[in-house]
């Protein structure tokens, strides 16, 4: 994991790489997380962020999200746990806490209805990253799964737990925390989990160029 730090300078301009509505709604969701935690406005901005981050495509094909009310209800159902975890920060969690916290987050992650598909890791981790931004990093298939070299037989629950534990391990090293501290608060580097995600993105872009898409079998 230490090789991630060589990409520190690359992520100073992460905001420029994404930009547009992806950045706008992301920022709005984080602002509301601070001032209107789990309010309708906060949840609406999270919902909009997921759309901007590719979780919903118009038309017959592509990813789909449920209607807003269903999405909101699945979040509000865990309001008490969210309130308990709201003040937690990945860099300060102790070894005595981490396992129980990851277990609690795992339960929530796979009960949030951020997608109409059977797969929930990506949509739910991105949701959690805007509700508990100092604790959970967004995860996706293009970067996170390829970086950790997960296999098709690995369950989404196991993947979520492994990534969370790996991020915690990374920030248990005080030198890693100090190394990226100067980035903290920058746009798209607002917290340590997002910085961790951005480091992974830069590594994959550099070391694991996009693989050719597999041709669909003719039906």
N, C-alpha and C. Protein backbone atom coordinates (compact mmCIF):
# COMPACT_ATOMS: atom_id res chain seq x y z
N UNK A 1 0.81 -1.21 0.00
CA UNK A 1 0.00 0.00 0.00
C UNK A 1 0.86 1.27 0.00
N UNK A 2 2.12 1.15 0.44
CA UNK A 2 2.96 2.32 0.54
C UNK A 2 3.22 2.98 -0.81
N UNK A 3 3.15 2.18 -1.90
CA UNK A 3 3.43 2.74 -3.21
C UNK A 3 2.37 3.76 -3.64
N UNK A 4 1.24 3.81 -2.93
CA UNK A 4 0.20 4.77 -3.26
C UNK A 4 0.68 6.20 -3.06
N UNK A 5 1.57 6.41 -2.12
CA UNK A 5 1.99 7.76 -1.77
C UNK A 5 2.73 8.46 -2.91
N UNK A 6 3.27 7.69 -3.84
CA UNK A 6 3.97 8.33 -4.95
C UNK A 6 3.01 9.10 -5.85
N UNK A 7 1.71 8.88 -5.65
CA UNK A 7 0.70 9.56 -6.48
C UNK A 7 0.08 10.76 -5.75
N UNK A 8 0.70 11.14 -4.65
CA UNK A 8 0.18 12.25 -3.86
C UNK A 8 0.03 13.52 -4.70
N UNK A 9 1.06 13.88 -5.46
CA UNK A 9 1.00 15.12 -6.25
C UNK A 9 -0.04 15.04 -7.36
N UNK A 10 -0.31 13.83 -7.83
CA UNK A 10 -1.28 13.65 -8.92
C UNK A 10 -2.69 14.04 -8.51
N UNK A 11 -3.02 13.86 -7.23
CA UNK A 11 -4.41 14.05 -6.84
C UNK A 11 -4.72 15.47 -6.38
N UNK A 12 -3.73 16.36 -6.46
CA UNK A 12 -3.99 17.75 -6.09
C UNK A 12 -5.00 18.40 -7.02
N UNK A 13 -5.08 17.87 -8.22
CA UNK A 13 -6.02 18.44 -9.20
C UNK A 13 -7.11 17.44 -9.57
N UNK A 14 -7.46 16.59 -8.62
CA UNK A 14 -8.49 15.57 -8.88
C UNK A 14 -9.81 16.19 -9.32
N UNK A 15 -10.12 17.34 -8.76
CA UNK A 15 -11.40 18.00 -9.08
C UNK A 15 -11.50 18.32 -10.56
N UNK A 16 -10.37 18.66 -11.18
CA UNK A 16 -10.39 19.01 -12.60
C UNK A 16 -10.67 17.80 -13.48
N UNK A 17 -10.30 16.62 -13.00
CA UNK A 17 -10.49 15.40 -13.79
C UNK A 17 -11.96 15.03 -13.89
N UNK A 18 -12.71 15.28 -12.82
CA UNK A 18 -14.12 14.92 -12.82
C UNK A 18 -15.00 16.13 -13.14
N UNK A 19 -15.05 17.11 -12.25
CA UNK A 19 -15.75 18.35 -12.53
C UNK A 19 -17.24 18.23 -12.82
N UNK A 20 -17.84 19.34 -13.32
CA UNK A 20 -19.24 19.36 -13.72
C UNK A 20 -20.19 18.95 -12.61
N UNK A 21 -21.30 18.33 -12.95
CA UNK A 21 -22.28 17.91 -11.94
C UNK A 21 -21.71 16.88 -10.96
N UNK A 22 -20.73 16.08 -11.40
CA UNK A 22 -20.12 15.10 -10.50
C UNK A 22 -19.49 15.79 -9.30
N UNK A 23 -18.87 16.92 -9.53
CA UNK A 23 -18.24 17.68 -8.46
C UNK A 23 -19.25 18.53 -7.71
N UNK A 24 -20.14 19.18 -8.44
CA UNK A 24 -21.11 20.09 -7.83
C UNK A 24 -21.98 19.40 -6.78
N UNK A 25 -22.61 18.30 -7.17
CA UNK A 25 -23.50 17.62 -6.23
C UNK A 25 -22.71 16.94 -5.09
N UNK A 26 -21.50 16.50 -5.40
CA UNK A 26 -20.63 15.94 -4.37
C UNK A 26 -20.37 16.98 -3.28
N UNK A 27 -20.02 18.18 -3.68
CA UNK A 27 -19.75 19.25 -2.73
C UNK A 27 -20.99 19.63 -1.93
N UNK A 28 -22.12 19.71 -2.61
CA UNK A 28 -23.37 20.07 -1.94
C UNK A 28 -23.75 19.02 -0.90
N UNK A 29 -23.56 17.76 -1.25
CA UNK A 29 -23.88 16.68 -0.32
C UNK A 29 -23.00 16.76 0.93
N UNK A 30 -21.72 17.06 0.74
CA UNK A 30 -20.80 17.17 1.87
C UNK A 30 -21.11 18.40 2.73
N UNK A 31 -21.52 19.48 2.09
CA UNK A 31 -21.89 20.69 2.84
C UNK A 31 -23.10 20.41 3.73
N UNK A 32 -24.10 19.73 3.17
CA UNK A 32 -25.30 19.40 3.93
C UNK A 32 -25.00 18.39 5.03
N UNK A 33 -24.02 17.53 4.79
CA UNK A 33 -23.64 16.56 5.82
C UNK A 33 -23.18 17.30 7.07
N UNK A 34 -22.57 18.44 6.89
CA UNK A 34 -22.07 19.22 8.01
C UNK A 34 -23.18 20.04 8.69
N UNK A 35 -24.10 20.58 7.89
CA UNK A 35 -25.06 21.54 8.43
C UNK A 35 -26.48 21.01 8.58
N UNK A 36 -26.84 19.99 7.78
CA UNK A 36 -28.21 19.46 7.80
C UNK A 36 -28.20 17.95 7.71
N UNK A 37 -27.49 17.34 8.64
CA UNK A 37 -27.25 15.90 8.60
C UNK A 37 -28.54 15.10 8.48
N UNK A 38 -28.63 14.28 7.41
CA UNK A 38 -29.75 13.41 7.12
C UNK A 38 -31.08 14.15 6.96
N UNK A 39 -31.01 15.43 6.62
CA UNK A 39 -32.21 16.18 6.29
C UNK A 39 -32.66 15.76 4.89
N UNK A 40 -33.84 16.18 4.49
CA UNK A 40 -34.30 15.89 3.13
C UNK A 40 -33.31 16.45 2.11
N UNK A 41 -32.84 17.66 2.35
CA UNK A 41 -31.89 18.29 1.42
C UNK A 41 -30.60 17.47 1.31
N UNK A 42 -30.08 17.03 2.45
CA UNK A 42 -28.86 16.23 2.45
C UNK A 42 -29.05 14.96 1.62
N UNK A 43 -30.12 14.24 1.90
CA UNK A 43 -30.36 12.97 1.20
C UNK A 43 -30.64 13.21 -0.28
N UNK A 44 -31.30 14.30 -0.60
CA UNK A 44 -31.57 14.62 -2.01
C UNK A 44 -30.26 14.88 -2.76
N UNK A 45 -29.33 15.58 -2.11
CA UNK A 45 -28.04 15.84 -2.76
C UNK A 45 -27.23 14.56 -2.92
N UNK A 46 -27.32 13.66 -1.96
CA UNK A 46 -26.65 12.36 -2.11
C UNK A 46 -27.24 11.61 -3.29
N UNK A 47 -28.55 11.63 -3.39
CA UNK A 47 -29.27 10.96 -4.48
C UNK A 47 -28.81 11.54 -5.83
N UNK A 48 -28.72 12.86 -5.89
CA UNK A 48 -28.28 13.52 -7.13
C UNK A 48 -26.82 13.21 -7.44
N UNK A 49 -26.00 13.10 -6.41
CA UNK A 49 -24.59 12.77 -6.61
C UNK A 49 -24.45 11.39 -7.24
N UNK A 50 -25.23 10.43 -6.77
CA UNK A 50 -25.16 9.09 -7.34
C UNK A 50 -25.51 9.10 -8.83
N UNK A 51 -26.51 9.89 -9.19
CA UNK A 51 -26.87 10.00 -10.62
C UNK A 51 -25.69 10.58 -11.40
N UNK A 52 -25.10 11.66 -10.86
CA UNK A 52 -23.98 12.31 -11.53
C UNK A 52 -22.75 11.40 -11.60
N UNK A 53 -22.65 10.47 -10.67
CA UNK A 53 -21.52 9.54 -10.65
C UNK A 53 -21.82 8.24 -11.40
N UNK A 54 -22.87 8.25 -12.20
CA UNK A 54 -23.12 7.13 -13.11
C UNK A 54 -23.96 6.01 -12.59
N UNK A 55 -24.69 6.23 -11.49
CA UNK A 55 -25.49 5.16 -10.90
C UNK A 55 -26.89 5.03 -11.52
N UNK A 56 -27.23 5.96 -12.42
CA UNK A 56 -28.53 5.86 -13.08
C UNK A 56 -28.40 6.33 -14.53
N UNK A 57 -28.84 5.49 -15.43
CA UNK A 57 -28.81 5.81 -16.86
C UNK A 57 -30.24 5.77 -17.42
N UNK A 58 -30.56 6.76 -18.20
CA UNK A 58 -31.88 6.78 -18.82
C UNK A 58 -31.98 5.70 -19.90
N UNK A 59 -33.19 5.28 -20.19
CA UNK A 59 -33.38 4.26 -21.22
C UNK A 59 -33.44 2.86 -20.66
N UNK A 60 -33.44 1.88 -21.55
CA UNK A 60 -33.61 0.49 -21.14
C UNK A 60 -32.37 -0.10 -20.46
N UNK A 61 -31.20 0.21 -21.00
CA UNK A 61 -29.99 -0.39 -20.47
C UNK A 61 -29.30 0.44 -19.41
N UNK A 62 -28.24 -0.10 -18.83
CA UNK A 62 -27.43 0.63 -17.87
C UNK A 62 -27.93 0.55 -16.44
N UNK A 63 -27.16 1.14 -15.55
CA UNK A 63 -27.49 1.12 -14.12
C UNK A 63 -28.78 1.88 -13.85
N UNK A 64 -29.49 1.43 -12.84
CA UNK A 64 -30.75 2.06 -12.48
C UNK A 64 -30.83 2.23 -10.96
N UNK A 65 -31.38 3.35 -10.54
CA UNK A 65 -31.63 3.61 -9.12
C UNK A 65 -33.12 3.52 -8.84
N UNK A 66 -33.51 3.21 -7.61
CA UNK A 66 -34.93 3.17 -7.26
C UNK A 66 -35.47 4.59 -7.15
N UNK A 67 -36.77 4.73 -6.92
CA UNK A 67 -37.32 6.07 -6.75
C UNK A 67 -36.78 6.68 -5.46
N UNK A 68 -36.88 7.98 -5.36
CA UNK A 68 -36.26 8.70 -4.24
C UNK A 68 -36.80 8.26 -2.88
N UNK A 69 -38.11 8.09 -2.76
CA UNK A 69 -38.70 7.73 -1.46
C UNK A 69 -38.13 6.42 -0.93
N UNK A 70 -37.96 5.46 -1.82
CA UNK A 70 -37.41 4.16 -1.41
C UNK A 70 -35.96 4.31 -0.97
N UNK A 71 -35.22 5.12 -1.70
CA UNK A 71 -33.82 5.39 -1.36
C UNK A 71 -33.74 6.06 0.02
N UNK A 72 -34.54 7.08 0.22
CA UNK A 72 -34.54 7.83 1.48
C UNK A 72 -34.91 6.94 2.66
N UNK A 73 -35.95 6.15 2.52
CA UNK A 73 -36.41 5.29 3.61
C UNK A 73 -35.34 4.30 4.04
N UNK A 74 -34.59 3.78 3.07
CA UNK A 74 -33.54 2.81 3.40
C UNK A 74 -32.40 3.45 4.17
N UNK A 75 -32.24 4.75 4.04
CA UNK A 75 -31.21 5.49 4.78
C UNK A 75 -31.71 5.87 6.17
N UNK A 76 -32.89 6.46 6.21
CA UNK A 76 -33.46 6.93 7.47
C UNK A 76 -33.66 5.77 8.46
N UNK A 77 -33.85 4.56 7.94
CA UNK A 77 -34.03 3.39 8.80
C UNK A 77 -32.83 3.16 9.71
N UNK A 78 -31.66 3.71 9.33
CA UNK A 78 -30.43 3.52 10.11
C UNK A 78 -29.98 4.84 10.75
N UNK A 79 -30.89 5.75 10.92
CA UNK A 79 -30.54 7.09 11.43
C UNK A 79 -29.80 7.02 12.76
N UNK A 80 -30.25 6.19 13.68
CA UNK A 80 -29.61 6.11 15.00
C UNK A 80 -28.15 5.68 14.89
N UNK A 81 -27.89 4.68 14.05
CA UNK A 81 -26.51 4.21 13.87
C UNK A 81 -25.66 5.28 13.19
N UNK A 82 -26.24 5.95 12.21
CA UNK A 82 -25.52 7.04 11.55
C UNK A 82 -25.13 8.13 12.55
N UNK A 83 -26.05 8.46 13.44
CA UNK A 83 -25.77 9.48 14.46
C UNK A 83 -24.63 9.03 15.36
N UNK A 84 -24.59 7.75 15.70
CA UNK A 84 -23.53 7.22 16.56
C UNK A 84 -22.16 7.27 15.87
N UNK A 85 -22.17 7.05 14.56
CA UNK A 85 -20.90 6.97 13.81
C UNK A 85 -20.48 8.30 13.20
N UNK A 86 -21.35 9.27 13.27
CA UNK A 86 -21.12 10.55 12.59
C UNK A 86 -19.78 11.20 12.96
N UNK A 87 -19.39 11.12 14.22
CA UNK A 87 -18.16 11.76 14.67
C UNK A 87 -16.90 10.93 14.51
N UNK A 88 -17.04 9.71 14.00
CA UNK A 88 -15.88 8.83 13.83
C UNK A 88 -15.05 9.24 12.61
N UNK A 89 -13.74 9.12 12.77
CA UNK A 89 -12.82 9.41 11.67
C UNK A 89 -11.89 8.21 11.51
N UNK A 90 -11.68 7.79 10.28
CA UNK A 90 -10.92 6.57 10.02
C UNK A 90 -9.53 6.62 10.63
N UNK A 91 -8.91 7.80 10.67
CA UNK A 91 -7.54 7.89 11.16
C UNK A 91 -7.44 7.82 12.68
N UNK A 92 -8.58 7.96 13.38
CA UNK A 92 -8.55 7.93 14.84
C UNK A 92 -9.17 6.67 15.44
N UNK A 93 -9.72 5.81 14.63
CA UNK A 93 -10.36 4.60 15.15
C UNK A 93 -9.31 3.65 15.71
N UNK A 94 -9.57 3.11 16.89
CA UNK A 94 -8.62 2.22 17.54
C UNK A 94 -8.82 0.77 17.08
N UNK A 95 -7.85 -0.05 17.40
CA UNK A 95 -7.93 -1.46 17.06
C UNK A 95 -9.07 -2.16 17.76
N UNK A 96 -9.47 -1.63 18.91
CA UNK A 96 -10.59 -2.22 19.65
C UNK A 96 -11.94 -1.90 19.01
N UNK A 97 -11.98 -0.85 18.21
CA UNK A 97 -13.23 -0.39 17.61
C UNK A 97 -13.46 -0.89 16.19
N UNK A 98 -12.38 -1.04 15.44
CA UNK A 98 -12.51 -1.18 13.99
C UNK A 98 -13.40 -2.33 13.55
N UNK A 99 -13.29 -3.49 14.16
CA UNK A 99 -14.08 -4.64 13.72
C UNK A 99 -15.58 -4.41 13.89
N UNK A 100 -15.97 -3.88 15.03
CA UNK A 100 -17.40 -3.66 15.27
C UNK A 100 -17.94 -2.55 14.37
N UNK A 101 -17.14 -1.54 14.10
CA UNK A 101 -17.57 -0.45 13.23
C UNK A 101 -17.75 -0.95 11.80
N UNK A 102 -16.79 -1.75 11.33
CA UNK A 102 -16.91 -2.30 9.97
C UNK A 102 -18.13 -3.20 9.86
N UNK A 103 -18.40 -3.98 10.87
CA UNK A 103 -19.58 -4.85 10.86
C UNK A 103 -20.86 -4.04 10.78
N UNK A 104 -20.93 -2.97 11.56
CA UNK A 104 -22.12 -2.10 11.54
C UNK A 104 -22.30 -1.46 10.17
N UNK A 105 -21.20 -0.98 9.60
CA UNK A 105 -21.26 -0.36 8.28
C UNK A 105 -21.63 -1.36 7.20
N UNK A 106 -21.15 -2.59 7.36
CA UNK A 106 -21.46 -3.63 6.39
C UNK A 106 -22.96 -3.91 6.34
N UNK A 107 -23.58 -3.98 7.51
CA UNK A 107 -25.03 -4.20 7.58
C UNK A 107 -25.78 -3.08 6.87
N UNK A 108 -25.38 -1.85 7.15
CA UNK A 108 -26.04 -0.70 6.54
C UNK A 108 -25.81 -0.68 5.03
N UNK A 109 -24.56 -0.92 4.62
CA UNK A 109 -24.20 -0.85 3.21
C UNK A 109 -25.10 -1.71 2.34
N UNK A 110 -25.40 -2.90 2.81
CA UNK A 110 -26.16 -3.81 1.97
C UNK A 110 -27.65 -3.82 2.27
N UNK A 111 -28.08 -2.80 2.99
CA UNK A 111 -29.52 -2.60 3.16
C UNK A 111 -29.97 -1.28 2.53
N UNK A 112 -29.00 -0.43 2.19
CA UNK A 112 -29.33 0.81 1.48
C UNK A 112 -29.74 0.48 0.06
N UNK A 113 -30.81 1.07 -0.39
CA UNK A 113 -31.32 0.81 -1.74
C UNK A 113 -30.91 1.92 -2.69
N UNK A 114 -29.67 1.83 -3.11
CA UNK A 114 -29.15 2.81 -4.05
C UNK A 114 -29.15 2.30 -5.48
N UNK A 115 -29.55 1.05 -5.65
CA UNK A 115 -29.57 0.44 -6.98
C UNK A 115 -30.71 -0.56 -7.06
N UNK A 116 -31.24 -0.74 -8.26
CA UNK A 116 -32.30 -1.72 -8.45
C UNK A 116 -31.73 -3.09 -8.78
N UNK A 117 -30.42 -3.17 -8.96
CA UNK A 117 -29.78 -4.45 -9.28
C UNK A 117 -29.49 -5.23 -8.00
N UNK A 118 -29.01 -6.45 -8.16
CA UNK A 118 -28.65 -7.27 -7.00
C UNK A 118 -27.32 -6.83 -6.40
N UNK A 119 -26.56 -6.06 -7.15
CA UNK A 119 -25.27 -5.57 -6.68
C UNK A 119 -25.45 -4.21 -6.01
N UNK A 120 -24.92 -4.08 -4.79
CA UNK A 120 -25.11 -2.84 -4.04
C UNK A 120 -23.81 -2.20 -3.56
N UNK A 121 -22.70 -2.86 -3.75
CA UNK A 121 -21.43 -2.36 -3.22
C UNK A 121 -21.12 -0.95 -3.70
N UNK A 122 -21.19 -0.72 -4.99
CA UNK A 122 -20.79 0.57 -5.55
C UNK A 122 -21.74 1.68 -5.14
N UNK A 123 -23.03 1.49 -5.39
CA UNK A 123 -23.99 2.55 -5.07
C UNK A 123 -24.05 2.84 -3.57
N UNK A 124 -23.99 1.79 -2.75
CA UNK A 124 -24.11 1.99 -1.31
C UNK A 124 -22.85 2.57 -0.69
N UNK A 125 -21.68 2.17 -1.17
CA UNK A 125 -20.45 2.75 -0.62
C UNK A 125 -20.36 4.23 -0.98
N UNK A 126 -20.82 4.58 -2.18
CA UNK A 126 -20.82 6.00 -2.58
C UNK A 126 -21.84 6.78 -1.77
N UNK A 127 -22.93 6.13 -1.41
CA UNK A 127 -23.91 6.78 -0.53
C UNK A 127 -23.31 7.02 0.84
N UNK A 128 -22.71 5.99 1.41
CA UNK A 128 -22.10 6.11 2.74
C UNK A 128 -20.98 7.14 2.76
N UNK A 129 -20.27 7.28 1.66
CA UNK A 129 -19.17 8.24 1.58
C UNK A 129 -19.66 9.68 1.66
N UNK A 130 -20.96 9.90 1.45
CA UNK A 130 -21.51 11.24 1.56
C UNK A 130 -22.36 11.42 2.82
N UNK A 131 -22.52 10.34 3.58
CA UNK A 131 -23.21 10.42 4.86
C UNK A 131 -22.19 10.36 6.00
N UNK A 132 -21.19 9.50 5.83
CA UNK A 132 -20.09 9.38 6.80
C UNK A 132 -18.77 9.56 6.05
N UNK A 133 -18.53 10.76 5.52
CA UNK A 133 -17.37 10.98 4.64
C UNK A 133 -16.02 10.83 5.30
N UNK A 134 -15.95 10.93 6.62
CA UNK A 134 -14.67 10.76 7.31
C UNK A 134 -14.40 9.31 7.70
N UNK A 135 -15.33 8.44 7.31
CA UNK A 135 -15.23 7.05 7.74
C UNK A 135 -15.24 6.05 6.58
N UNK A 136 -15.97 6.35 5.50
CA UNK A 136 -16.13 5.41 4.39
C UNK A 136 -15.65 6.02 3.09
N UNK A 137 -14.94 5.22 2.30
CA UNK A 137 -14.49 5.69 0.99
C UNK A 137 -15.42 5.12 -0.09
N UNK A 138 -15.62 5.87 -1.17
CA UNK A 138 -16.41 5.32 -2.28
C UNK A 138 -15.64 4.18 -2.93
N UNK A 139 -16.37 3.18 -3.41
CA UNK A 139 -15.75 2.02 -4.06
C UNK A 139 -16.40 1.82 -5.42
N UNK A 140 -15.61 1.39 -6.38
CA UNK A 140 -16.18 1.11 -7.71
C UNK A 140 -15.43 -0.04 -8.37
N UNK A 141 -15.95 -0.46 -9.50
CA UNK A 141 -15.37 -1.60 -10.20
C UNK A 141 -14.15 -1.20 -11.03
N UNK A 142 -14.19 -0.02 -11.60
CA UNK A 142 -13.12 0.40 -12.50
C UNK A 142 -11.79 0.61 -11.77
N UNK A 143 -11.86 1.10 -10.55
CA UNK A 143 -10.64 1.41 -9.81
C UNK A 143 -10.43 0.53 -8.58
N UNK A 144 -11.37 0.57 -7.64
CA UNK A 144 -11.19 -0.14 -6.37
C UNK A 144 -11.00 -1.64 -6.56
N UNK A 145 -11.93 -2.26 -7.29
CA UNK A 145 -11.87 -3.71 -7.44
C UNK A 145 -10.64 -4.15 -8.22
N UNK A 146 -10.23 -3.36 -9.18
CA UNK A 146 -9.05 -3.72 -9.97
C UNK A 146 -7.77 -3.52 -9.15
N UNK A 147 -7.74 -2.49 -8.32
CA UNK A 147 -6.55 -2.26 -7.49
C UNK A 147 -6.32 -3.41 -6.53
N UNK A 148 -7.39 -3.87 -5.89
CA UNK A 148 -7.26 -4.94 -4.90
C UNK A 148 -7.30 -6.34 -5.52
N UNK A 149 -7.49 -6.40 -6.83
CA UNK A 149 -7.45 -7.67 -7.58
C UNK A 149 -8.46 -8.69 -7.04
N UNK A 150 -9.68 -8.21 -6.80
CA UNK A 150 -10.72 -9.11 -6.34
C UNK A 150 -11.13 -10.06 -7.46
N UNK A 151 -11.59 -11.24 -7.07
CA UNK A 151 -12.02 -12.24 -8.03
C UNK A 151 -13.54 -12.31 -8.05
N UNK A 152 -14.08 -12.91 -9.09
CA UNK A 152 -15.54 -12.97 -9.24
C UNK A 152 -16.21 -13.73 -8.10
N UNK A 153 -15.46 -14.63 -7.46
CA UNK A 153 -16.05 -15.42 -6.38
C UNK A 153 -16.08 -14.66 -5.04
N UNK A 154 -15.39 -13.52 -4.96
CA UNK A 154 -15.39 -12.73 -3.74
C UNK A 154 -16.75 -12.06 -3.56
N UNK A 155 -17.35 -12.19 -2.41
CA UNK A 155 -18.66 -11.58 -2.18
C UNK A 155 -18.51 -10.08 -1.94
N UNK A 156 -19.58 -9.35 -2.21
CA UNK A 156 -19.54 -7.90 -2.01
C UNK A 156 -19.34 -7.56 -0.54
N UNK A 157 -19.89 -8.37 0.35
CA UNK A 157 -19.69 -8.14 1.78
C UNK A 157 -18.22 -8.25 2.15
N UNK A 158 -17.56 -9.29 1.62
CA UNK A 158 -16.14 -9.49 1.91
C UNK A 158 -15.30 -8.37 1.31
N UNK A 159 -15.68 -7.92 0.12
CA UNK A 159 -14.95 -6.83 -0.54
C UNK A 159 -15.04 -5.55 0.29
N UNK A 160 -16.26 -5.23 0.71
CA UNK A 160 -16.46 -4.01 1.50
C UNK A 160 -15.61 -4.05 2.77
N UNK A 161 -15.66 -5.16 3.48
CA UNK A 161 -14.90 -5.29 4.73
C UNK A 161 -13.39 -5.19 4.47
N UNK A 162 -12.94 -5.82 3.40
CA UNK A 162 -11.51 -5.83 3.10
C UNK A 162 -11.01 -4.43 2.75
N UNK A 163 -11.76 -3.71 1.94
CA UNK A 163 -11.35 -2.35 1.55
C UNK A 163 -11.35 -1.43 2.77
N UNK A 164 -12.38 -1.54 3.59
CA UNK A 164 -12.44 -0.72 4.79
C UNK A 164 -11.27 -1.01 5.71
N UNK A 165 -10.98 -2.28 5.89
CA UNK A 165 -9.85 -2.67 6.76
C UNK A 165 -8.53 -2.19 6.17
N UNK A 166 -8.38 -2.28 4.86
CA UNK A 166 -7.16 -1.85 4.20
C UNK A 166 -6.95 -0.35 4.35
N UNK A 167 -8.05 0.41 4.21
CA UNK A 167 -7.94 1.86 4.40
C UNK A 167 -7.55 2.18 5.84
N UNK A 168 -8.15 1.49 6.78
CA UNK A 168 -7.81 1.70 8.19
C UNK A 168 -6.33 1.38 8.43
N UNK A 169 -5.87 0.25 7.89
CA UNK A 169 -4.46 -0.14 8.03
C UNK A 169 -3.54 0.95 7.47
N UNK A 170 -3.92 1.50 6.31
CA UNK A 170 -3.12 2.53 5.66
C UNK A 170 -2.95 3.74 6.57
N UNK A 171 -4.03 4.15 7.21
CA UNK A 171 -3.98 5.33 8.07
C UNK A 171 -3.54 5.03 9.50
N UNK A 172 -3.28 3.78 9.80
CA UNK A 172 -2.68 3.46 11.09
C UNK A 172 -1.21 3.86 11.11
N UNK A 173 -0.65 4.01 9.92
CA UNK A 173 0.73 4.47 9.80
C UNK A 173 0.73 6.00 9.86
N UNK A 174 1.25 6.55 10.93
CA UNK A 174 1.23 8.00 11.12
C UNK A 174 1.97 8.74 10.00
N UNK A 175 2.96 8.10 9.40
CA UNK A 175 3.68 8.74 8.30
C UNK A 175 2.78 8.92 7.08
N UNK A 176 1.88 7.96 6.86
CA UNK A 176 0.95 8.08 5.75
C UNK A 176 -0.02 9.24 5.99
N UNK A 177 -0.47 9.35 7.23
CA UNK A 177 -1.39 10.44 7.58
C UNK A 177 -0.69 11.79 7.37
N UNK A 178 0.52 11.91 7.85
CA UNK A 178 1.27 13.17 7.71
C UNK A 178 1.56 13.48 6.25
N UNK A 179 1.82 12.45 5.48
CA UNK A 179 2.19 12.64 4.08
C UNK A 179 1.08 13.27 3.26
N UNK A 180 -0.16 12.89 3.57
CA UNK A 180 -1.29 13.41 2.76
C UNK A 180 -2.04 14.54 3.47
N UNK A 181 -1.58 14.91 4.64
CA UNK A 181 -2.28 15.91 5.45
C UNK A 181 -2.43 17.25 4.74
N UNK A 182 -1.44 17.60 3.93
CA UNK A 182 -1.48 18.89 3.23
C UNK A 182 -2.60 18.94 2.19
N UNK A 183 -3.07 17.77 1.76
CA UNK A 183 -4.14 17.71 0.76
C UNK A 183 -5.51 17.87 1.40
N UNK A 184 -5.57 17.61 2.69
CA UNK A 184 -6.85 17.57 3.39
C UNK A 184 -7.59 18.90 3.27
N UNK A 185 -8.86 18.81 2.85
CA UNK A 185 -9.68 20.01 2.71
C UNK A 185 -9.73 20.55 1.30
N UNK A 186 -8.83 20.09 0.43
CA UNK A 186 -8.89 20.52 -0.97
C UNK A 186 -10.15 19.95 -1.61
N UNK A 187 -10.63 20.62 -2.66
CA UNK A 187 -11.79 20.13 -3.38
C UNK A 187 -11.51 18.74 -3.93
N UNK A 188 -12.39 17.81 -3.61
CA UNK A 188 -12.30 16.40 -4.00
C UNK A 188 -11.24 15.64 -3.20
N UNK A 189 -10.64 16.33 -2.25
CA UNK A 189 -9.73 15.70 -1.27
C UNK A 189 -10.16 16.15 0.13
N UNK A 190 -11.46 16.20 0.34
CA UNK A 190 -12.01 16.82 1.54
C UNK A 190 -11.74 16.04 2.83
N UNK A 191 -11.44 14.77 2.71
CA UNK A 191 -11.26 13.93 3.90
C UNK A 191 -10.32 12.78 3.56
N UNK A 192 -9.88 12.07 4.57
CA UNK A 192 -8.91 10.99 4.36
C UNK A 192 -9.47 9.83 3.52
N UNK A 193 -10.72 9.42 3.70
CA UNK A 193 -11.24 8.34 2.84
C UNK A 193 -11.24 8.72 1.36
N UNK A 194 -11.60 9.98 1.03
CA UNK A 194 -11.60 10.38 -0.39
C UNK A 194 -10.19 10.47 -0.93
N UNK A 195 -9.25 10.91 -0.10
CA UNK A 195 -7.85 10.94 -0.52
C UNK A 195 -7.37 9.52 -0.82
N UNK A 196 -7.74 8.57 0.03
CA UNK A 196 -7.38 7.17 -0.19
C UNK A 196 -7.95 6.69 -1.53
N UNK A 197 -9.20 7.01 -1.79
CA UNK A 197 -9.85 6.65 -3.05
C UNK A 197 -9.13 7.28 -4.24
N UNK A 198 -8.76 8.56 -4.12
CA UNK A 198 -8.09 9.24 -5.21
C UNK A 198 -6.71 8.68 -5.49
N UNK A 199 -6.01 8.26 -4.44
CA UNK A 199 -4.70 7.62 -4.64
C UNK A 199 -4.84 6.32 -5.42
N UNK A 200 -5.88 5.56 -5.10
CA UNK A 200 -6.13 4.31 -5.82
C UNK A 200 -6.46 4.60 -7.28
N UNK A 201 -7.27 5.62 -7.52
CA UNK A 201 -7.64 5.99 -8.89
C UNK A 201 -6.39 6.32 -9.71
N UNK A 202 -5.50 7.12 -9.12
CA UNK A 202 -4.29 7.52 -9.85
C UNK A 202 -3.37 6.33 -10.10
N UNK A 203 -3.30 5.42 -9.13
CA UNK A 203 -2.47 4.23 -9.32
C UNK A 203 -2.99 3.38 -10.48
N UNK A 204 -4.30 3.15 -10.49
CA UNK A 204 -4.89 2.31 -11.53
C UNK A 204 -4.75 2.96 -12.90
N UNK A 205 -4.95 4.27 -12.97
CA UNK A 205 -4.80 4.98 -14.25
C UNK A 205 -3.39 4.84 -14.79
N UNK A 206 -2.41 4.80 -13.87
CA UNK A 206 -1.01 4.73 -14.26
C UNK A 206 -0.54 3.30 -14.53
N UNK A 207 -0.89 2.38 -13.64
CA UNK A 207 -0.33 1.03 -13.69
C UNK A 207 -1.24 0.00 -14.36
N UNK A 208 -2.53 0.25 -14.38
CA UNK A 208 -3.47 -0.74 -14.92
C UNK A 208 -4.34 -0.09 -15.98
N UNK A 209 -3.78 0.16 -17.15
CA UNK A 209 -4.56 0.80 -18.22
C UNK A 209 -5.80 -0.02 -18.53
N UNK A 210 -6.80 0.66 -19.03
CA UNK A 210 -8.08 0.01 -19.28
C UNK A 210 -7.94 -1.25 -20.12
N UNK A 211 -8.59 -2.30 -19.65
CA UNK A 211 -8.58 -3.56 -20.38
C UNK A 211 -9.62 -3.52 -21.49
N UNK A 212 -9.36 -4.17 -22.62
CA UNK A 212 -10.35 -4.16 -23.71
C UNK A 212 -11.64 -4.81 -23.25
N UNK A 213 -12.75 -4.22 -23.67
CA UNK A 213 -14.05 -4.78 -23.29
C UNK A 213 -14.29 -6.12 -23.99
N UNK A 214 -14.85 -7.05 -23.23
CA UNK A 214 -15.15 -8.34 -23.80
C UNK A 214 -16.34 -8.26 -24.75
N UNK A 215 -16.22 -8.95 -25.85
CA UNK A 215 -17.32 -8.95 -26.81
C UNK A 215 -18.50 -9.77 -26.27
N UNK A 216 -19.69 -9.24 -26.48
CA UNK A 216 -20.87 -9.94 -26.04
C UNK A 216 -21.13 -11.16 -26.92
N UNK A 217 -21.56 -12.21 -26.27
CA UNK A 217 -21.89 -13.40 -27.03
C UNK A 217 -23.22 -13.19 -27.75
N UNK A 218 -23.30 -13.64 -28.97
CA UNK A 218 -24.54 -13.51 -29.72
C UNK A 218 -25.57 -14.46 -29.17
N UNK A 219 -26.77 -13.92 -28.98
CA UNK A 219 -27.84 -14.75 -28.43
C UNK A 219 -28.52 -15.55 -29.54
